[in-house]
Structure formats: structure tokens, C-alpha cells
Amino acid sequence: VSCAPVLGAVISIIRNGGGHVAFVMGEDATRYYCLGGNQSNTVSI
């Protein structure tokens, strides 16, 4: 279901050639911190 930005939500964004999916872990003023795979070839936040 659709939700607001909450800890653990599945997130997706559009990128050139497709998209990216991960889990949101937190935020600062301008960025969301996301736990995901294939982020600079690693599992990272």
C-alpha cells in the first residue's frame, strides 16, 4: 500500500535505463538514507 516516508518502507526511484529499489532508513534535510543492494555494487545504507 502507499505510505508516507516511514522507517522500513520500500522506496523506488527512476534512473536512466530503469529504476532503483531499496528500503528507507532515515533522512536529513535534503536526502533519504536507504538500505539497498547494488548501491555502488554493495549492500549499503
PDB file of all heavy atoms in Angstrom:
ATOM      1  N   VAL A   1       0.843  -1.190   0.000  1.00  0.00           N
ATOM      2  CA  VAL A   1       0.000   0.000   0.000  1.00  0.00           C
ATOM      3  C   VAL A   1       0.881   1.243   0.000  1.00  0.00           C
ATOM      4  O   VAL A   1       2.023   1.220   0.452  1.00  0.00           O
ATOM      5  CB  VAL A   1      -0.936   0.024   1.224  1.00  0.00           C
ATOM      6  CG1 VAL A   1      -1.896  -1.157   1.189  1.00  0.00           C
ATOM      7  CG2 VAL A   1      -0.147   0.028   2.532  1.00  0.00           C
ATOM      8  N   SER A   2       0.318   2.338  -0.490  1.00  0.00           N
ATOM      9  CA  SER A   2       1.035   3.604  -0.480  1.00  0.00           C
ATOM     10  C   SER A   2       1.200   4.081   0.957  1.00  0.00           C
ATOM     11  O   SER A   2       0.353   3.826   1.824  1.00  0.00           O
ATOM     12  CB  SER A   2       0.261   4.648  -1.291  1.00  0.00           C
ATOM     13  OG  SER A   2       0.921   5.893  -1.271  1.00  0.00           O
ATOM     14  N   CYS A   3       2.296   4.769   1.217  1.00  0.00           N
ATOM     15  CA  CYS A   3       2.533   5.267   2.575  1.00  0.00           C
ATOM     16  C   CYS A   3       3.361   6.541   2.534  1.00  0.00           C
ATOM     17  O   CYS A   3       3.931   6.900   1.500  1.00  0.00           O
ATOM     18  CB  CYS A   3       3.246   4.205   3.425  1.00  0.00           C
ATOM     19  SG  CYS A   3       4.933   3.830   2.896  1.00  0.00           S
ATOM     20  N   ALA A   4       3.432   7.204   3.676  1.00  0.00           N
ATOM     21  CA  ALA A   4       4.362   8.309   3.846  1.00  0.00           C
ATOM     22  C   ALA A   4       5.763   7.744   4.049  1.00  0.00           C
ATOM     23  O   ALA A   4       5.936   6.533   4.246  1.00  0.00           O
ATOM     24  CB  ALA A   4       3.935   9.148   5.045  1.00  0.00           C
ATOM     25  N   PRO A   5       6.799   8.578   4.011  1.00  0.00           N
ATOM     26  CA  PRO A   5       8.148   8.085   4.306  1.00  0.00           C
ATOM     27  C   PRO A   5       8.253   7.634   5.772  1.00  0.00           C
ATOM     28  O   PRO A   5       8.222   8.449   6.688  1.00  0.00           O
ATOM     29  CB  PRO A   5       9.040   9.306   4.036  1.00  0.00           C
ATOM     30  CG  PRO A   5       8.244  10.170   3.112  1.00  0.00           C
ATOM     31  CD  PRO A   5       6.821   9.984   3.532  1.00  0.00           C
ATOM     32  N   VAL A   6       8.342   6.327   5.987  1.00  0.00           N
ATOM     33  CA  VAL A   6       8.459   5.756   7.333  1.00  0.00           C
ATOM     34  C   VAL A   6       9.570   4.716   7.320  1.00  0.00           C
ATOM     35  O   VAL A   6       9.889   4.131   6.282  1.00  0.00           O
ATOM     36  CB  VAL A   6       7.140   5.108   7.806  1.00  0.00           C
ATOM     37  CG1 VAL A   6       6.073   6.161   8.049  1.00  0.00           C
ATOM     38  CG2 VAL A   6       6.652   4.061   6.812  1.00  0.00           C
ATOM     39  N   LEU A   7      10.148   4.481   8.476  1.00  0.00           N
ATOM     40  CA  LEU A   7      11.259   3.547   8.602  1.00  0.00           C
ATOM     41  C   LEU A   7      10.862   2.162   8.104  1.00  0.00           C
ATOM     42  O   LEU A   7       9.903   1.572   8.584  1.00  0.00           O
ATOM     43  CB  LEU A   7      11.692   3.461  10.065  1.00  0.00           C
ATOM     44  CG  LEU A   7      12.793   2.446  10.404  1.00  0.00           C
ATOM     45  CD1 LEU A   7      14.090   2.787   9.686  1.00  0.00           C
ATOM     46  CD2 LEU A   7      13.013   2.397  11.908  1.00  0.00           C
ATOM     47  N   GLY A   8      11.620   1.660   7.110  1.00  0.00           N
ATOM     48  CA  GLY A   8      11.379   0.326   6.572  1.00  0.00           C
ATOM     49  C   GLY A   8      10.549   0.290   5.318  1.00  0.00           C
ATOM     50  O   GLY A   8      10.378  -0.782   4.715  1.00  0.00           O
ATOM     51  N   ALA A   9       9.999   1.446   4.894  1.00  0.00           N
ATOM     52  CA  ALA A   9       9.199   1.459   3.675  1.00  0.00           C
ATOM     53  C   ALA A   9      10.055   1.094   2.463  1.00  0.00           C
ATOM     54  O   ALA A   9      11.240   1.416   2.392  1.00  0.00           O
ATOM     55  CB  ALA A   9       8.578   2.842   3.463  1.00  0.00           C
ATOM     56  N   VAL A  10       9.436   0.408   1.512  1.00  0.00           N
ATOM     57  CA  VAL A  10      10.077   0.146   0.228  1.00  0.00           C
ATOM     58  C   VAL A  10      10.042   1.425  -0.578  1.00  0.00           C
ATOM     59  O   VAL A  10       8.994   2.066  -0.707  1.00  0.00           O
ATOM     60  CB  VAL A  10       9.354  -0.984  -0.529  1.00  0.00           C
ATOM     61  CG1 VAL A  10       9.947  -1.164  -1.925  1.00  0.00           C
ATOM     62  CG2 VAL A  10       9.436  -2.292   0.251  1.00  0.00           C
ATOM     63  N   ILE A  11      11.205   1.816  -1.112  1.00  0.00           N
ATOM     64  CA  ILE A  11      11.247   3.022  -1.946  1.00  0.00           C
ATOM     65  C   ILE A  11      11.697   2.657  -3.357  1.00  0.00           C
ATOM     66  O   ILE A  11      12.412   1.677  -3.556  1.00  0.00           O
ATOM     67  CB  ILE A  11      12.196   4.094  -1.355  1.00  0.00           C
ATOM     68  CG1 ILE A  11      13.670   3.629  -1.347  1.00  0.00           C
ATOM     69  CG2 ILE A  11      11.740   4.490   0.033  1.00  0.00           C
ATOM     70  CD1 ILE A  11      14.460   3.968  -2.587  1.00  0.00           C
ATOM     71  N   SER A  12      11.250   3.434  -4.305  1.00  0.00           N
ATOM     72  CA  SER A  12      11.736   3.273  -5.678  1.00  0.00           C
ATOM     73  C   SER A  12      11.917   4.643  -6.308  1.00  0.00           C
ATOM     74  O   SER A  12      11.155   5.562  -6.044  1.00  0.00           O
ATOM     75  CB  SER A  12      10.765   2.430  -6.513  1.00  0.00           C
ATOM     76  OG  SER A  12       9.479   3.045  -6.572  1.00  0.00           O
ATOM     77  N   ILE A  13      12.960   4.756  -7.117  1.00  0.00           N
ATOM     78  CA  ILE A  13      13.233   5.988  -7.853  1.00  0.00           C
ATOM     79  C   ILE A  13      13.545   5.629  -9.296  1.00  0.00           C
ATOM     80  O   ILE A  13      13.924   4.492  -9.610  1.00  0.00           O
ATOM     81  CB  ILE A  13      14.414   6.775  -7.252  1.00  0.00           C
ATOM     82  CG1 ILE A  13      15.694   5.927  -7.265  1.00  0.00           C
ATOM     83  CG2 ILE A  13      14.082   7.262  -5.847  1.00  0.00           C
ATOM     84  CD1 ILE A  13      16.945   6.703  -6.900  1.00  0.00           C
ATOM     85  N   ILE A  14      13.366   6.604 -10.159  1.00  0.00           N
ATOM     86  CA  ILE A  14      13.678   6.418 -11.577  1.00  0.00           C
ATOM     87  C   ILE A  14      15.124   6.818 -11.830  1.00  0.00           C
ATOM     88  O   ILE A  14      15.615   7.795 -11.273  1.00  0.00           O
ATOM     89  CB  ILE A  14      12.725   7.259 -12.452  1.00  0.00           C
ATOM     90  CG1 ILE A  14      11.279   6.770 -12.284  1.00  0.00           C
ATOM     91  CG2 ILE A  14      13.136   7.199 -13.920  1.00  0.00           C
ATOM     92  CD1 ILE A  14      10.256   7.661 -12.959  1.00  0.00           C
ATOM     93  N   ARG A  15      15.822   6.042 -12.628  1.00  0.00           N
ATOM     94  CA  ARG A  15      17.169   6.375 -13.080  1.00  0.00           C
ATOM     95  C   ARG A  15      17.245   6.116 -14.574  1.00  0.00           C
ATOM     96  O   ARG A  15      16.349   5.485 -15.157  1.00  0.00           O
ATOM     97  CB  ARG A  15      18.225   5.543 -12.349  1.00  0.00           C
ATOM     98  CG  ARG A  15      18.152   4.047 -12.624  1.00  0.00           C
ATOM     99  CD  ARG A  15      19.339   3.296 -12.055  1.00  0.00           C
ATOM    100  NE  ARG A  15      19.248   1.861 -12.274  1.00  0.00           N
ATOM    101  CZ  ARG A  15      19.633   1.237 -13.375  1.00  0.00           C
ATOM    102  NH1 ARG A  15      20.117   1.927 -14.403  1.00  0.00           N
ATOM    103  NH2 ARG A  15      19.516  -0.076 -13.491  1.00  0.00           N
ATOM    104  N   ASN A  16      18.307   6.581 -15.204  1.00  0.00           N
ATOM    105  CA  ASN A  16      18.485   6.325 -16.624  1.00  0.00           C
ATOM    106  C   ASN A  16      18.521   4.825 -16.875  1.00  0.00           C
ATOM    107  O   ASN A  16      19.314   4.106 -16.280  1.00  0.00           O
ATOM    108  CB  ASN A  16      19.785   6.963 -17.130  1.00  0.00           C
ATOM    109  CG  ASN A  16      19.711   8.471 -17.177  1.00  0.00           C
ATOM    110  OD1 ASN A  16      18.614   9.033 -17.238  1.00  0.00           O
ATOM    111  ND2 ASN A  16      20.850   9.144 -17.146  1.00  0.00           N
ATOM    112  N   GLY A  17      17.644   4.356 -17.748  1.00  0.00           N
ATOM    113  CA  GLY A  17      17.628   2.938 -18.093  1.00  0.00           C
ATOM    114  C   GLY A  17      16.749   2.092 -17.204  1.00  0.00           C
ATOM    115  O   GLY A  17      16.674   0.875 -17.389  1.00  0.00           O
ATOM    116  N   GLY A  18      16.070   2.688 -16.214  1.00  0.00           N
ATOM    117  CA  GLY A  18      15.218   1.887 -15.353  1.00  0.00           C
ATOM    118  C   GLY A  18      14.950   2.560 -14.026  1.00  0.00           C
ATOM    119  O   GLY A  18      14.552   3.722 -13.970  1.00  0.00           O
ATOM    120  N   GLY A  19      15.192   1.842 -12.928  1.00  0.00           N
ATOM    121  CA  GLY A  19      14.920   2.387 -11.611  1.00  0.00           C
ATOM    122  C   GLY A  19      15.813   1.759 -10.566  1.00  0.00           C
ATOM    123  O   GLY A  19      16.687   0.949 -10.860  1.00  0.00           O
ATOM    124  N   HIS A  20      15.552   2.130  -9.323  1.00  0.00           N
ATOM    125  CA  HIS A  20      16.269   1.553  -8.190  1.00  0.00           C
ATOM    126  C   HIS A  20      15.268   1.377  -7.065  1.00  0.00           C
ATOM    127  O   HIS A  20      14.390   2.223  -6.848  1.00  0.00           O
ATOM    128  CB  HIS A  20      17.401   2.465  -7.732  1.00  0.00           C
ATOM    129  CG  HIS A  20      18.171   1.940  -6.553  1.00  0.00           C
ATOM    130  ND1 HIS A  20      18.957   0.809  -6.638  1.00  0.00           N
ATOM    131  CD2 HIS A  20      18.261   2.364  -5.262  1.00  0.00           C
ATOM    132  CE1 HIS A  20      19.509   0.564  -5.458  1.00  0.00           C
ATOM    133  NE2 HIS A  20      19.098   1.488  -4.609  1.00  0.00           N
ATOM    134  N   VAL A  21      15.396   0.254  -6.314  1.00  0.00           N
ATOM    135  CA  VAL A  21      14.500  -0.032  -5.206  1.00  0.00           C
ATOM    136  C   VAL A  21      15.331  -0.373  -3.976  1.00  0.00           C
ATOM    137  O   VAL A  21      16.395  -0.997  -4.073  1.00  0.00           O
ATOM    138  CB  VAL A  21      13.509  -1.169  -5.565  1.00  0.00           C
ATOM    139  CG1 VAL A  21      14.234  -2.474  -5.860  1.00  0.00           C
ATOM    140  CG2 VAL A  21      12.466  -1.362  -4.478  1.00  0.00           C
ATOM    141  N   ALA A  22      14.854   0.054  -2.804  1.00  0.00           N
ATOM    142  CA  ALA A  22      15.575  -0.158  -1.555  1.00  0.00           C
ATOM    143  C   ALA A  22      14.597   0.049  -0.408  1.00  0.00           C
ATOM    144  O   ALA A  22      13.374   0.082  -0.607  1.00  0.00           O
ATOM    145  CB  ALA A  22      16.765   0.803  -1.457  1.00  0.00           C
ATOM    146  N   PHE A  23      15.116   0.169   0.811  1.00  0.00           N
ATOM    147  CA  PHE A  23      14.312   0.454   1.998  1.00  0.00           C
ATOM    148  C   PHE A  23      14.789   1.767   2.621  1.00  0.00           C
ATOM    149  O   PHE A  23      15.988   1.986   2.749  1.00  0.00           O
ATOM    150  CB  PHE A  23      14.464  -0.656   3.045  1.00  0.00           C
ATOM    151  CG  PHE A  23      14.082  -2.025   2.569  1.00  0.00           C
ATOM    152  CD1 PHE A  23      15.063  -2.986   2.354  1.00  0.00           C
ATOM    153  CD2 PHE A  23      12.758  -2.361   2.357  1.00  0.00           C
ATOM    154  CE1 PHE A  23      14.723  -4.260   1.931  1.00  0.00           C
ATOM    155  CE2 PHE A  23      12.408  -3.636   1.928  1.00  0.00           C
ATOM    156  CZ  PHE A  23      13.398  -4.589   1.711  1.00  0.00           C
ATOM    157  N   VAL A  24      13.855   2.617   3.033  1.00  0.00           N
ATOM    158  CA  VAL A  24      14.255   3.881   3.642  1.00  0.00           C
ATOM    159  C   VAL A  24      14.532   3.674   5.134  1.00  0.00           C
ATOM    160  O   VAL A  24      13.791   2.983   5.837  1.00  0.00           O
ATOM    161  CB  VAL A  24      13.200   4.982   3.408  1.00  0.00           C
ATOM    162  CG1 VAL A  24      11.887   4.683   4.110  1.00  0.00           C
ATOM    163  CG2 VAL A  24      13.749   6.344   3.835  1.00  0.00           C
ATOM    164  N   MET A  25      15.648   4.265   5.596  1.00  0.00           N
ATOM    165  CA  MET A  25      16.107   4.094   6.967  1.00  0.00           C
ATOM    166  C   MET A  25      16.077   5.391   7.777  1.00  0.00           C
ATOM    167  O   MET A  25      16.067   5.361   9.003  1.00  0.00           O
ATOM    168  CB  MET A  25      17.541   3.562   6.971  1.00  0.00           C
ATOM    169  CG  MET A  25      17.698   2.187   6.353  1.00  0.00           C
ATOM    170  SD  MET A  25      16.947   0.901   7.351  1.00  0.00           S
ATOM    171  CE  MET A  25      18.045   0.885   8.774  1.00  0.00           C
ATOM    172  N   GLY A  26      16.114   6.534   7.093  1.00  0.00           N
ATOM    173  CA  GLY A  26      16.146   7.808   7.796  1.00  0.00           C
ATOM    174  C   GLY A  26      16.263   8.949   6.812  1.00  0.00           C
ATOM    175  O   GLY A  26      16.171   8.751   5.588  1.00  0.00           O
ATOM    176  N   GLU A  27      16.508  10.139   7.320  1.00  0.00           N
ATOM    177  CA  GLU A  27      16.587  11.304   6.450  1.00  0.00           C
ATOM    178  C   GLU A  27      17.438  12.388   7.107  1.00  0.00           C
ATOM    179  O   GLU A  27      17.687  12.392   8.314  1.00  0.00           O
ATOM    180  CB  GLU A  27      15.191  11.852   6.177  1.00  0.00           C
ATOM    181  CG  GLU A  27      14.502  12.418   7.414  1.00  0.00           C
ATOM    182  CD  GLU A  27      13.136  13.017   7.131  1.00  0.00           C
ATOM    183  OE1 GLU A  27      12.857  13.347   5.969  1.00  0.00           O
ATOM    184  OE2 GLU A  27      12.354  13.165   8.098  1.00  0.00           O
ATOM    185  N   ASP A  28      17.909  13.315   6.261  1.00  0.00           N
ATOM    186  CA  ASP A  28      18.381  14.606   6.732  1.00  0.00           C
ATOM    187  C   ASP A  28      17.585  15.662   5.971  1.00  0.00           C
ATOM    188  O   ASP A  28      16.532  15.351   5.404  1.00  0.00           O
ATOM    189  CB  ASP A  28      19.906  14.754   6.602  1.00  0.00           C
ATOM    190  CG  ASP A  28      20.431  14.645   5.172  1.00  0.00           C
ATOM    191  OD1 ASP A  28      19.656  14.934   4.222  1.00  0.00           O
ATOM    192  OD2 ASP A  28      21.609  14.292   4.990  1.00  0.00           O
ATOM    193  N   ALA A  29      18.043  16.868   5.924  1.00  0.00           N
ATOM    194  CA  ALA A  29      17.237  17.937   5.332  1.00  0.00           C
ATOM    195  C   ALA A  29      16.985  17.724   3.846  1.00  0.00           C
ATOM    196  O   ALA A  29      15.919  18.091   3.336  1.00  0.00           O
ATOM    197  CB  ALA A  29      17.920  19.286   5.560  1.00  0.00           C
ATOM    198  N   THR A  30      17.926  17.120   3.142  1.00  0.00           N
ATOM    199  CA  THR A  30      17.817  17.041   1.684  1.00  0.00           C
ATOM    200  C   THR A  30      17.892  15.628   1.129  1.00  0.00           C
ATOM    201  O   THR A  30      17.741  15.442  -0.077  1.00  0.00           O
ATOM    202  CB  THR A  30      18.940  17.865   1.017  1.00  0.00           C
ATOM    203  OG1 THR A  30      20.224  17.325   1.403  1.00  0.00           O
ATOM    204  CG2 THR A  30      18.850  19.324   1.438  1.00  0.00           C
ATOM    205  N   ARG A  31      18.100  14.615   1.990  1.00  0.00           N
ATOM    206  CA  ARG A  31      18.331  13.264   1.476  1.00  0.00           C
ATOM    207  C   ARG A  31      17.596  12.225   2.328  1.00  0.00           C
ATOM    208  O   ARG A  31      17.417  12.406   3.534  1.00  0.00           O
ATOM    209  CB  ARG A  31      19.827  12.943   1.463  1.00  0.00           C
ATOM    210  CG  ARG A  31      20.649  13.986   0.723  1.00  0.00           C
ATOM    211  CD  ARG A  31      22.124  13.655   0.687  1.00  0.00           C
ATOM    212  NE  ARG A  31      22.738  13.608   2.010  1.00  0.00           N
ATOM    213  CZ  ARG A  31      24.032  13.400   2.219  1.00  0.00           C
ATOM    214  NH1 ARG A  31      24.841  13.225   1.198  1.00  0.00           N
ATOM    215  NH2 ARG A  31      24.514  13.380   3.449  1.00  0.00           N
ATOM    216  N   TYR A  32      17.212  11.125   1.674  1.00  0.00           N
ATOM    217  CA  TYR A  32      16.762   9.943   2.382  1.00  0.00           C
ATOM    218  C   TYR A  32      17.919   8.939   2.406  1.00  0.00           C
ATOM    219  O   TYR A  32      18.651   8.798   1.419  1.00  0.00           O
ATOM    220  CB  TYR A  32      15.563   9.305   1.676  1.00  0.00           C
ATOM    221  CG  TYR A  32      14.291  10.113   1.762  1.00  0.00           C
ATOM    222  CD1 TYR A  32      13.697  10.643   0.619  1.00  0.00           C
ATOM    223  CD2 TYR A  32      13.668  10.341   2.986  1.00  0.00           C
ATOM    224  CE1 TYR A  32      12.524  11.376   0.692  1.00  0.00           C
ATOM    225  CE2 TYR A  32      12.501  11.083   3.071  1.00  0.00           C
ATOM    226  CZ  TYR A  32      11.930  11.592   1.924  1.00  0.00           C
ATOM    227  OH  TYR A  32      10.776  12.329   2.003  1.00  0.00           O
ATOM    228  N   TYR A  33      18.065   8.240   3.537  1.00  0.00           N
ATOM    229  CA  TYR A  33      19.092   7.218   3.682  1.00  0.00           C
ATOM    230  C   TYR A  33      18.448   5.860   3.442  1.00  0.00           C
ATOM    231  O   TYR A  33      17.476   5.493   4.111  1.00  0.00           O
ATOM    232  CB  TYR A  33      19.706   7.280   5.076  1.00  0.00           C
ATOM    233  CG  TYR A  33      20.541   8.512   5.290  1.00  0.00           C
ATOM    234  CD1 TYR A  33      19.955   9.764   5.466  1.00  0.00           C
ATOM    235  CD2 TYR A  33      21.929   8.436   5.307  1.00  0.00           C
ATOM    236  CE1 TYR A  33      20.725  10.900   5.653  1.00  0.00           C
ATOM    237  CE2 TYR A  33      22.710   9.577   5.498  1.00  0.00           C
ATOM    238  CZ  TYR A  33      22.099  10.801   5.668  1.00  0.00           C
ATOM    239  OH  TYR A  33      22.861  11.931   5.852  1.00  0.00           O
ATOM    240  N   CYS A  34      18.984   5.116   2.483  1.00  0.00           N
ATOM    241  CA  CYS A  34      18.326   3.913   2.014  1.00  0.00           C
ATOM    242  C   CYS A  34      19.225   2.688   2.115  1.00  0.00           C
ATOM    243  O   CYS A  34      20.389   2.718   1.679  1.00  0.00           O
ATOM    244  CB  CYS A  34      17.871   4.093   0.564  1.00  0.00           C
ATOM    245  SG  CYS A  34      16.698   5.470   0.376  1.00  0.00           S
ATOM    246  N   LEU A  35      18.685   1.615   2.693  1.00  0.00           N
ATOM    247  CA  LEU A  35      19.355   0.327   2.752  1.00  0.00           C
ATOM    248  C   LEU A  35      18.995  -0.441   1.496  1.00  0.00           C
ATOM    249  O   LEU A  35      17.811  -0.709   1.251  1.00  0.00           O
ATOM    250  CB  LEU A  35      18.901  -0.449   3.995  1.00  0.00           C
ATOM    251  CG  LEU A  35      19.311  -1.921   4.066  1.00  0.00           C
ATOM    252  CD1 LEU A  35      20.819  -2.073   4.192  1.00  0.00           C
ATOM    253  CD2 LEU A  35      18.589  -2.619   5.216  1.00  0.00           C
ATOM    254  N   GLY A  36      19.997  -0.777   0.706  1.00  0.00           N
ATOM    255  CA  GLY A  36      19.692  -1.478  -0.533  1.00  0.00           C
ATOM    256  C   GLY A  36      20.879  -2.217  -1.095  1.00  0.00           C
ATOM    257  O   GLY A  36      22.018  -2.077  -0.632  1.00  0.00           O
ATOM    258  N   GLY A  37      20.598  -3.014  -2.093  1.00  0.00           N
ATOM    259  CA  GLY A  37      21.632  -3.719  -2.830  1.00  0.00           C
ATOM    260  C   GLY A  37      21.972  -2.990  -4.108  1.00  0.00           C
ATOM    261  O   GLY A  37      21.212  -2.130  -4.582  1.00  0.00           O
ATOM    262  N   ASN A  38      23.118  -3.311  -4.667  1.00  0.00           N
ATOM    263  CA  ASN A  38      23.580  -2.694  -5.913  1.00  0.00           C
ATOM    264  C   ASN A  38      23.733  -1.192  -5.778  1.00  0.00           C
ATOM    265  O   ASN A  38      23.511  -0.444  -6.724  1.00  0.00           O
ATOM    266  CB  ASN A  38      22.637  -3.033  -7.076  1.00  0.00           C
ATOM    267  CG  ASN A  38      23.347  -3.038  -8.421  1.00  0.00           C
ATOM    268  OD1 ASN A  38      24.558  -3.242  -8.490  1.00  0.00           O
ATOM    269  ND2 ASN A  38      22.607  -2.839  -9.493  1.00  0.00           N
ATOM    270  N   GLN A  39      24.113  -0.742  -4.586  1.00  0.00           N
ATOM    271  CA  GLN A  39      24.455   0.662  -4.357  1.00  0.00           C
ATOM    272  C   GLN A  39      25.973   0.741  -4.342  1.00  0.00           C
ATOM    273  O   GLN A  39      26.612   0.318  -3.383  1.00  0.00           O
ATOM    274  CB  GLN A  39      23.821   1.151  -3.056  1.00  0.00           C
ATOM    275  CG  GLN A  39      22.299   1.079  -3.123  1.00  0.00           C
ATOM    276  CD  GLN A  39      21.567   1.570  -1.886  1.00  0.00           C
ATOM    277  OE1 GLN A  39      20.382   1.911  -1.969  1.00  0.00           O
ATOM    278  NE2 GLN A  39      22.221   1.602  -0.745  1.00  0.00           N
ATOM    279  N   SER A  40      26.545   1.232  -5.444  1.00  0.00           N
ATOM    280  CA  SER A  40      27.995   1.146  -5.666  1.00  0.00           C
ATOM    281  C   SER A  40      28.468  -0.294  -5.518  1.00  0.00           C
ATOM    282  O   SER A  40      29.509  -0.578  -4.921  1.00  0.00           O
ATOM    283  CB  SER A  40      28.759   2.072  -4.719  1.00  0.00           C
ATOM    284  OG  SER A  40      28.474   3.421  -5.011  1.00  0.00           O
ATOM    285  N   ASN A  41      27.659  -1.230  -6.026  1.00  0.00           N
ATOM    286  CA  ASN A  41      27.980  -2.670  -6.103  1.00  0.00           C
ATOM    287  C   ASN A  41      27.950  -3.383  -4.761  1.00  0.00           C
ATOM    288  O   ASN A  41      28.433  -4.510  -4.657  1.00  0.00           O
ATOM    289  CB  ASN A  41      29.341  -2.892  -6.774  1.00  0.00           C
ATOM    290  CG  ASN A  41      29.420  -2.289  -8.159  1.00  0.00           C
ATOM    291  OD1 ASN A  41      28.428  -2.269  -8.880  1.00  0.00           O
ATOM    292  ND2 ASN A  41      30.584  -1.786  -8.525  1.00  0.00           N
ATOM    293  N   THR A  42      27.407  -2.749  -3.717  1.00  0.00           N
ATOM    294  CA  THR A  42      27.384  -3.361  -2.398  1.00  0.00           C
ATOM    295  C   THR A  42      25.989  -3.272  -1.783  1.00  0.00           C
ATOM    296  O   THR A  42      25.108  -2.571  -2.292  1.00  0.00           O
ATOM    297  CB  THR A  42      28.362  -2.654  -1.433  1.00  0.00           C
ATOM    298  OG1 THR A  42      27.890  -1.318  -1.184  1.00  0.00           O
ATOM    299  CG2 THR A  42      29.768  -2.597  -2.001  1.00  0.00           C
ATOM    300  N   VAL A  43      25.815  -4.003  -0.666  1.00  0.00           N
ATOM    301  CA  VAL A  43      24.701  -3.747   0.239  1.00  0.00           C
ATOM    302  C   VAL A  43      25.147  -2.621   1.169  1.00  0.00           C
ATOM    303  O   VAL A  43      26.163  -2.744   1.857  1.00  0.00           O
ATOM    304  CB  VAL A  43      24.340  -4.995   1.058  1.00  0.00           C
ATOM    305  CG1 VAL A  43      23.203  -4.669   2.032  1.00  0.00           C
ATOM    306  CG2 VAL A  43      23.948  -6.156   0.154  1.00  0.00           C
ATOM    307  N   SER A  44      24.414  -1.529   1.179  1.00  0.00           N
ATOM    308  CA  SER A  44      24.851  -0.374   1.967  1.00  0.00           C
ATOM    309  C   SER A  44      23.648   0.455   2.380  1.00  0.00           C
ATOM    310  O   SER A  44      22.531   0.263   1.889  1.00  0.00           O
ATOM    311  CB  SER A  44      25.814   0.501   1.151  1.00  0.00           C
ATOM    312  OG  SER A  44      25.122   1.117   0.060  1.00  0.00           O
ATOM    313  N   ILE A  45      23.906   1.371   3.311  1.00  0.00           N
ATOM    314  CA  ILE A  45      22.949   2.442   3.600  1.00  0.00           C
ATOM    315  C   ILE A  45      23.518   3.695   2.961  1.00  0.00           C
ATOM    316  O   ILE A  45      24.576   4.183   3.364  1.00  0.00           O
ATOM    317  CB  ILE A  45      22.744   2.641   5.111  1.00  0.00           C
ATOM    318  CG1 ILE A  45      22.141   1.388   5.741  1.00  0.00           C
ATOM    319  CG2 ILE A  45      21.831   3.845   5.371  1.00  0.00           C
ATOM    320  CD1 ILE A  45      21.994   1.459   7.245  1.00  0.00           C
TER     321      ILE A  45
END
